[in-house]
Amino acid sequence: MIRVTRLNKTEFTLNALYIEKVESFPDTTITLTTGTKYVVLDSAVEVNSRIIKFYKAVQLLSNPHIWSEEDEE
């Protein structure tokens, strides 16, 4: 889960596994795989950083089964 802030400055947590894309229009818009969209105050760079941190925390990015042989060199 990642913490983000709505435009009205209320915080909420979002399951990063369901995030399909993060865009800036200039407001940051997070689109989930369900089609739900959230507009947040956090920058796209901050949101992406939190997503990566979450993936590492749940060891999604450290799974050796998803690496290619080229990554091991």
PDB file of N, CA and C in Angstrom:
ATOM      1  N   MET A   1       0.841  -1.174   0.000  1.00  0.00           N
ATOM      2  CA  MET A   1       0.000   0.000   0.000  1.00  0.00           C
ATOM      3  C   MET A   1       0.891   1.243   0.000  1.00  0.00           C
ATOM      4  N   ILE A   2       0.432   2.264  -0.703  1.00  0.00           N
ATOM      5  CA  ILE A   2       1.147   3.533  -0.700  1.00  0.00           C
ATOM      6  C   ILE A   2       0.198   4.628  -0.216  1.00  0.00           C
ATOM      7  N   ARG A   3       0.760   5.630   0.434  1.00  0.00           N
ATOM      8  CA  ARG A   3      -0.029   6.752   0.934  1.00  0.00           C
ATOM      9  C   ARG A   3       0.043   7.891  -0.078  1.00  0.00           C
ATOM     10  N   VAL A   4      -1.118   8.434  -0.440  1.00  0.00           N
ATOM     11  CA  VAL A   4      -1.206   9.570  -1.359  1.00  0.00           C
ATOM     12  C   VAL A   4      -2.171  10.594  -0.773  1.00  0.00           C
ATOM     13  N   THR A   5      -2.147  11.810  -1.331  1.00  0.00           N
ATOM     14  CA  THR A   5      -2.966  12.907  -0.818  1.00  0.00           C
ATOM     15  C   THR A   5      -3.904  13.421  -1.898  1.00  0.00           C
ATOM     16  N   ARG A   6      -5.186  13.444  -1.578  1.00  0.00           N
ATOM     17  CA  ARG A   6      -6.186  13.986  -2.507  1.00  0.00           C
ATOM     18  C   ARG A   6      -6.006  15.493  -2.653  1.00  0.00           C
ATOM     19  N   LEU A   7      -6.665  16.090  -3.624  1.00  0.00           N
ATOM     20  CA  LEU A   7      -6.577  17.529  -3.835  1.00  0.00           C
ATOM     21  C   LEU A   7      -7.115  18.318  -2.642  1.00  0.00           C
ATOM     22  N   ASN A   8      -8.039  17.724  -1.856  1.00  0.00           N
ATOM     23  CA  ASN A   8      -8.571  18.404  -0.674  1.00  0.00           C
ATOM     24  C   ASN A   8      -7.684  18.187   0.559  1.00  0.00           C
ATOM     25  N   LYS A   9      -6.486  17.644   0.327  1.00  0.00           N
ATOM     26  CA  LYS A   9      -5.450  17.430   1.338  1.00  0.00           C
ATOM     27  C   LYS A   9      -5.743  16.296   2.328  1.00  0.00           C
ATOM     28  N   THR A  10      -6.695  15.422   2.028  1.00  0.00           N
ATOM     29  CA  THR A  10      -6.915  14.246   2.859  1.00  0.00           C
ATOM     30  C   THR A  10      -6.047  13.110   2.321  1.00  0.00           C
ATOM     31  N   GLU A  11      -5.453  12.372   3.228  1.00  0.00           N
ATOM     32  CA  GLU A  11      -4.585  11.263   2.824  1.00  0.00           C
ATOM     33  C   GLU A  11      -5.365   9.959   2.801  1.00  0.00           C
ATOM     34  N   PHE A  12      -4.949   9.065   1.924  1.00  0.00           N
ATOM     35  CA  PHE A  12      -5.513   7.718   1.898  1.00  0.00           C
ATOM     36  C   PHE A  12      -4.454   6.767   1.368  1.00  0.00           C
ATOM     37  N   THR A  13      -4.672   5.478   1.585  1.00  0.00           N
ATOM     38  CA  THR A  13      -3.732   4.478   1.082  1.00  0.00           C
ATOM     39  C   THR A  13      -4.344   3.778  -0.116  1.00  0.00           C
ATOM     40  N   LEU A  14      -3.462   3.400  -1.015  1.00  0.00           N
ATOM     41  CA  LEU A  14      -3.872   2.801  -2.278  1.00  0.00           C
ATOM     42  C   LEU A  14      -3.029   1.552  -2.500  1.00  0.00           C
ATOM     43  N   ASN A  15      -3.658   0.480  -2.930  1.00  0.00           N
ATOM     44  CA  ASN A  15      -2.929  -0.749  -3.199  1.00  0.00           C
ATOM     45  C   ASN A  15      -2.152  -0.583  -4.501  1.00  0.00           C
ATOM     46  N   ALA A  16      -0.841  -0.516  -4.393  1.00  0.00           N
ATOM     47  CA  ALA A  16       0.017  -0.260  -5.547  1.00  0.00           C
ATOM     48  C   ALA A  16      -0.024  -1.387  -6.579  1.00  0.00           C
ATOM     49  N   LEU A  17      -0.456  -2.555  -6.186  1.00  0.00           N
ATOM     50  CA  LEU A  17      -0.532  -3.667  -7.131  1.00  0.00           C
ATOM     51  C   LEU A  17      -1.601  -3.444  -8.197  1.00  0.00           C
ATOM     52  N   TYR A  18      -2.560  -2.568  -7.921  1.00  0.00           N
ATOM     53  CA  TYR A  18      -3.645  -2.308  -8.864  1.00  0.00           C
ATOM     54  C   TYR A  18      -3.418  -1.066  -9.720  1.00  0.00           C
ATOM     55  N   ILE A  19      -2.249  -0.420  -9.575  1.00  0.00           N
ATOM     56  CA  ILE A  19      -1.983   0.780 -10.355  1.00  0.00           C
ATOM     57  C   ILE A  19      -1.541   0.391 -11.767  1.00  0.00           C
ATOM     58  N   GLU A  20      -2.263   0.903 -12.749  1.00  0.00           N
ATOM     59  CA  GLU A  20      -1.928   0.634 -14.145  1.00  0.00           C
ATOM     60  C   GLU A  20      -1.014   1.716 -14.699  1.00  0.00           C
ATOM     61  N   LYS A  21      -1.344   2.996 -14.384  1.00  0.00           N
ATOM     62  CA  LYS A  21      -0.492   4.077 -14.872  1.00  0.00           C
ATOM     63  C   LYS A  21      -0.599   5.299 -13.967  1.00  0.00           C
ATOM     64  N   VAL A  22       0.459   6.105 -14.018  1.00  0.00           N
ATOM     65  CA  VAL A  22       0.537   7.363 -13.280  1.00  0.00           C
ATOM     66  C   VAL A  22       0.883   8.432 -14.305  1.00  0.00           C
ATOM     67  N   GLU A  23       0.043   9.469 -14.398  1.00  0.00           N
ATOM     68  CA  GLU A  23       0.229  10.511 -15.405  1.00  0.00           C
ATOM     69  C   GLU A  23       0.142  11.887 -14.758  1.00  0.00           C
ATOM     70  N   SER A  24       0.734  12.875 -15.411  1.00  0.00           N
ATOM     71  CA  SER A  24       0.620  14.273 -14.980  1.00  0.00           C
ATOM     72  C   SER A  24      -0.101  15.051 -16.067  1.00  0.00           C
ATOM     73  N   PHE A  25      -1.174  15.741 -15.692  1.00  0.00           N
ATOM     74  CA  PHE A  25      -1.988  16.470 -16.690  1.00  0.00           C
ATOM     75  C   PHE A  25      -2.138  17.964 -16.486  1.00  0.00           C
ATOM     76  N   PRO A  26      -1.717  18.775 -15.660  1.00  0.00           N
ATOM     77  CA  PRO A  26      -0.541  18.743 -14.813  1.00  0.00           C
ATOM     78  C   PRO A  26      -0.766  18.075 -13.461  1.00  0.00           C
ATOM     79  N   ASP A  27      -2.032  17.910 -13.015  1.00  0.00           N
ATOM     80  CA  ASP A  27      -2.241  17.188 -11.755  1.00  0.00           C
ATOM     81  C   ASP A  27      -1.913  15.719 -11.970  1.00  0.00           C
ATOM     82  N   THR A  28      -1.416  15.082 -10.927  1.00  0.00           N
ATOM     83  CA  THR A  28      -1.068  13.670 -11.024  1.00  0.00           C
ATOM     84  C   THR A  28      -2.343  12.836 -10.974  1.00  0.00           C
ATOM     85  N   THR A  29      -2.529  12.006 -11.990  1.00  0.00           N
ATOM     86  CA  THR A  29      -3.695  11.128 -12.076  1.00  0.00           C
ATOM     87  C   THR A  29      -3.223   9.686 -12.039  1.00  0.00           C
ATOM     88  N   ILE A  30      -3.776   8.928 -11.102  1.00  0.00           N
ATOM     89  CA  ILE A  30      -3.443   7.514 -10.956  1.00  0.00           C
ATOM     90  C   ILE A  30      -4.626   6.710 -11.482  1.00  0.00           C
ATOM     91  N   THR A  31      -4.359   5.833 -12.440  1.00  0.00           N
ATOM     92  CA  THR A  31      -5.401   4.980 -13.008  1.00  0.00           C
ATOM     93  C   THR A  31      -5.158   3.552 -12.540  1.00  0.00           C
ATOM     94  N   LEU A  32      -6.203   2.944 -11.994  1.00  0.00           N
ATOM     95  CA  LEU A  32      -6.109   1.560 -11.533  1.00  0.00           C
ATOM     96  C   LEU A  32      -6.513   0.601 -12.647  1.00  0.00           C
ATOM     97  N   THR A  33      -6.201  -0.654 -12.469  1.00  0.00           N
ATOM     98  CA  THR A  33      -6.561  -1.669 -13.463  1.00  0.00           C
ATOM     99  C   THR A  33      -8.071  -1.804 -13.592  1.00  0.00           C
ATOM    100  N   THR A  34      -8.822  -1.348 -12.593  1.00  0.00           N
ATOM    101  CA  THR A  34     -10.290  -1.404 -12.635  1.00  0.00           C
ATOM    102  C   THR A  34     -10.880  -0.242 -13.417  1.00  0.00           C
ATOM    103  N   GLY A  35     -10.031   0.737 -13.799  1.00  0.00           N
ATOM    104  CA  GLY A  35     -10.503   1.914 -14.508  1.00  0.00           C
ATOM    105  C   GLY A  35     -10.744   3.103 -13.594  1.00  0.00           C
ATOM    106  N   THR A  36     -10.723   2.887 -12.280  1.00  0.00           N
ATOM    107  CA  THR A  36     -10.896   3.976 -11.317  1.00  0.00           C
ATOM    108  C   THR A  36      -9.713   4.918 -11.408  1.00  0.00           C
ATOM    109  N   LYS A  37      -9.998   6.225 -11.347  1.00  0.00           N
ATOM    110  CA  LYS A  37      -8.935   7.228 -11.422  1.00  0.00           C
ATOM    111  C   LYS A  37      -8.940   8.073 -10.159  1.00  0.00           C
ATOM    112  N   TYR A  38      -7.750   8.415  -9.693  1.00  0.00           N
ATOM    113  CA  TYR A  38      -7.576   9.293  -8.544  1.00  0.00           C
ATOM    114  C   TYR A  38      -6.669  10.435  -8.954  1.00  0.00           C
ATOM    115  N   VAL A  39      -7.064  11.661  -8.621  1.00  0.00           N
ATOM    116  CA  VAL A  39      -6.219  12.827  -8.847  1.00  0.00           C
ATOM    117  C   VAL A  39      -5.627  13.192  -7.492  1.00  0.00           C
ATOM    118  N   VAL A  40      -4.295  13.292  -7.426  1.00  0.00           N
ATOM    119  CA  VAL A  40      -3.618  13.511  -6.156  1.00  0.00           C
ATOM    120  C   VAL A  40      -2.665  14.697  -6.229  1.00  0.00           C
ATOM    121  N   LEU A  41      -2.324  15.228  -5.048  1.00  0.00           N
ATOM    122  CA  LEU A  41      -1.373  16.331  -4.950  1.00  0.00           C
ATOM    123  C   LEU A  41       0.064  15.881  -5.167  1.00  0.00           C
ATOM    124  N   ASP A  42       0.354  14.633  -4.835  1.00  0.00           N
ATOM    125  CA  ASP A  42       1.708  14.114  -4.938  1.00  0.00           C
ATOM    126  C   ASP A  42       2.171  14.118  -6.390  1.00  0.00           C
ATOM    127  N   SER A  43       3.442  14.401  -6.611  1.00  0.00           N
ATOM    128  CA  SER A  43       3.963  14.393  -7.982  1.00  0.00           C
ATOM    129  C   SER A  43       4.051  12.965  -8.508  1.00  0.00           C
ATOM    130  N   ALA A  44       4.077  12.833  -9.815  1.00  0.00           N
ATOM    131  CA  ALA A  44       4.213  11.508 -10.428  1.00  0.00           C
ATOM    132  C   ALA A  44       5.523  10.854 -10.006  1.00  0.00           C
ATOM    133  N   VAL A  45       6.574  11.642  -9.857  1.00  0.00           N
ATOM    134  CA  VAL A  45       7.874  11.109  -9.428  1.00  0.00           C
ATOM    135  C   VAL A  45       7.761  10.541  -8.016  1.00  0.00           C
ATOM    136  N   GLU A  46       7.072  11.262  -7.111  1.00  0.00           N
ATOM    137  CA  GLU A  46       6.894  10.767  -5.739  1.00  0.00           C
ATOM    138  C   GLU A  46       6.075   9.479  -5.720  1.00  0.00           C
ATOM    139  N   VAL A  47       5.008   9.454  -6.486  1.00  0.00           N
ATOM    140  CA  VAL A  47       4.147   8.267  -6.534  1.00  0.00           C
ATOM    141  C   VAL A  47       4.928   7.076  -7.074  1.00  0.00           C
ATOM    142  N   ASN A  48       5.667   7.277  -8.157  1.00  0.00           N
ATOM    143  CA  ASN A  48       6.467   6.177  -8.725  1.00  0.00           C
ATOM    144  C   ASN A  48       7.504   5.681  -7.729  1.00  0.00           C
ATOM    145  N   SER A  49       8.109   6.589  -6.995  1.00  0.00           N
ATOM    146  CA  SER A  49       9.094   6.212  -5.985  1.00  0.00           C
ATOM    147  C   SER A  49       8.443   5.363  -4.893  1.00  0.00           C
ATOM    148  N   ARG A  50       7.255   5.740  -4.471  1.00  0.00           N
ATOM    149  CA  ARG A  50       6.538   4.968  -3.440  1.00  0.00           C
ATOM    150  C   ARG A  50       6.130   3.590  -3.959  1.00  0.00           C
ATOM    151  N   ILE A  51       5.756   3.517  -5.237  1.00  0.00           N
ATOM    152  CA  ILE A  51       5.385   2.231  -5.828  1.00  0.00           C
ATOM    153  C   ILE A  51       6.595   1.295  -5.824  1.00  0.00           C
ATOM    154  N   ILE A  52       7.744   1.807  -6.249  1.00  0.00           N
ATOM    155  CA  ILE A  52       8.960   0.987  -6.279  1.00  0.00           C
ATOM    156  C   ILE A  52       9.339   0.551  -4.872  1.00  0.00           C
ATOM    157  N   LYS A  53       9.248   1.463  -3.908  1.00  0.00           N
ATOM    158  CA  LYS A  53       9.561   1.120  -2.509  1.00  0.00           C
ATOM    159  C   LYS A  53       8.624   0.019  -2.010  1.00  0.00           C
ATOM    160  N   PHE A  54       7.334   0.119  -2.359  1.00  0.00           N
ATOM    161  CA  PHE A  54       6.362  -0.902  -1.971  1.00  0.00           C
ATOM    162  C   PHE A  54       6.701  -2.242  -2.617  1.00  0.00           C
ATOM    163  N   TYR A  55       6.994  -2.232  -3.922  1.00  0.00           N
ATOM    164  CA  TYR A  55       7.342  -3.470  -4.615  1.00  0.00           C
ATOM    165  C   TYR A  55       8.555  -4.138  -3.979  1.00  0.00           C
ATOM    166  N   LYS A  56       9.544  -3.342  -3.604  1.00  0.00           N
ATOM    167  CA  LYS A  56      10.731  -3.897  -2.951  1.00  0.00           C
ATOM    168  C   LYS A  56      10.380  -4.458  -1.577  1.00  0.00           C
ATOM    169  N   ALA A  57       9.495  -3.778  -0.853  1.00  0.00           N
ATOM    170  CA  ALA A  57       9.101  -4.231   0.489  1.00  0.00           C
ATOM    171  C   ALA A  57       8.394  -5.583   0.436  1.00  0.00           C
ATOM    172  N   VAL A  58       7.618  -5.817  -0.617  1.00  0.00           N
ATOM    173  CA  VAL A  58       6.931  -7.100  -0.752  1.00  0.00           C
ATOM    174  C   VAL A  58       7.732  -8.072  -1.608  1.00  0.00           C
ATOM    175  N   GLN A  59       8.961  -7.679  -1.911  1.00  0.00           N
ATOM    176  CA  GLN A  59       9.921  -8.479  -2.672  1.00  0.00           C
ATOM    177  C   GLN A  59       9.438  -8.832  -4.069  1.00  0.00           C
ATOM    178  N   LEU A  60       8.640  -7.949  -4.639  1.00  0.00           N
ATOM    179  CA  LEU A  60       8.176  -8.158  -6.008  1.00  0.00           C
ATOM    180  C   LEU A  60       9.297  -7.890  -7.007  1.00  0.00           C
ATOM    181  N   LEU A  61      10.182  -6.936  -6.690  1.00  0.00           N
ATOM    182  CA  LEU A  61      11.296  -6.617  -7.575  1.00  0.00           C
ATOM    183  C   LEU A  61      12.555  -7.418  -7.269  1.00  0.00           C
ATOM    184  N   SER A  62      12.512  -8.229  -6.235  1.00  0.00           N
ATOM    185  CA  SER A  62      13.708  -8.997  -5.897  1.00  0.00           C
ATOM    186  C   SER A  62      13.527 -10.489  -6.171  1.00  0.00           C
ATOM    187  N   ASN A  63      12.491 -10.856  -6.884  1.00  0.00           N
ATOM    188  CA  ASN A  63      12.227 -12.254  -7.193  1.00  0.00           C
ATOM    189  C   ASN A  63      13.148 -12.711  -8.325  1.00  0.00           C
ATOM    190  N   PRO A  64      14.067 -13.647  -8.057  1.00  0.00           N
ATOM    191  CA  PRO A  64      14.995 -14.086  -9.106  1.00  0.00           C
ATOM    192  C   PRO A  64      14.311 -14.786 -10.272  1.00  0.00           C
ATOM    193  N   HIS A  65      13.078 -15.214 -10.103  1.00  0.00           N
ATOM    194  CA  HIS A  65      12.362 -15.905 -11.175  1.00  0.00           C
ATOM    195  C   HIS A  65      11.873 -14.950 -12.259  1.00  0.00           C
ATOM    196  N   ILE A  66      11.881 -13.638 -11.988  1.00  0.00           N
ATOM    197  CA  ILE A  66      11.442 -12.687 -13.006  1.00  0.00           C
ATOM    198  C   ILE A  66      12.623 -12.029 -13.716  1.00  0.00           C
ATOM    199  N   TRP A  67      13.827 -12.354 -13.318  1.00  0.00           N
ATOM    200  CA  TRP A  67      15.014 -11.801 -13.979  1.00  0.00           C
ATOM    201  C   TRP A  67      15.307 -12.587 -15.242  1.00  0.00           C
ATOM    202  N   SER A  68      15.882 -11.921 -16.203  1.00  0.00           N
ATOM    203  CA  SER A  68      16.380 -12.641 -17.373  1.00  0.00           C
ATOM    204  C   SER A  68      17.829 -13.045 -17.095  1.00  0.00           C
ATOM    205  N   GLU A  69      18.373 -13.907 -17.906  1.00  0.00           N
ATOM    206  CA  GLU A  69      19.762 -14.339 -17.706  1.00  0.00           C
ATOM    207  C   GLU A  69      20.711 -13.171 -17.888  1.00  0.00           C
ATOM    208  N   GLU A  70      20.373 -12.179 -18.714  1.00  0.00           N
ATOM    209  CA  GLU A  70      21.225 -11.012 -18.917  1.00  0.00           C
ATOM    210  C   GLU A  70      21.346 -10.175 -17.659  1.00  0.00           C
ATOM    211  N   ASP A  71      20.285 -10.150 -16.821  1.00  0.00           N
ATOM    212  CA  ASP A  71      20.309  -9.365 -15.582  1.00  0.00           C
ATOM    213  C   ASP A  71      21.296  -9.939 -14.574  1.00  0.00           C
ATOM    214  N   GLU A  72      21.586 -11.223 -14.655  1.00  0.00           N
ATOM    215  CA  GLU A  72      22.450 -11.874 -13.690  1.00  0.00           C
ATOM    216  C   GLU A  72      23.931 -11.562 -13.921  1.00  0.00           C
ATOM    217  N   GLU A  73      24.283 -11.075 -15.090  1.00  0.00           N
ATOM    218  CA  GLU A  73      25.696 -10.809 -15.411  1.00  0.00           C
ATOM    219  C   GLU A  73      26.175  -9.532 -14.820  1.00  0.00           C
TER     220      GLU A  73
END
